[in-house]
């Protein structure tokens, strides 16, 4: 599994983050337990299987919801 941090644009409320988090967790290859949103820092920590889904696809899903992705970074083991 691969871990990444996705820096989001400013979110208006916690429900915005919940919407993003629920969408990302519903994707095949994304860990339900290891992925979570951090509202105060506008970040999303995502654990995913890069054989099943790529980081760019996660970013695209967030942008489809109408939210900005400022950058993302894969954490090295």
Foldseek 3Di string as FASTA:
>chain_A
DWKKKWAWDQDDDVVLQVVLQVQLCVDPFWDNVQWDADNVRRMIITDGDVVRPNPVVSQVSSVVVPIGTPDMDIDDD
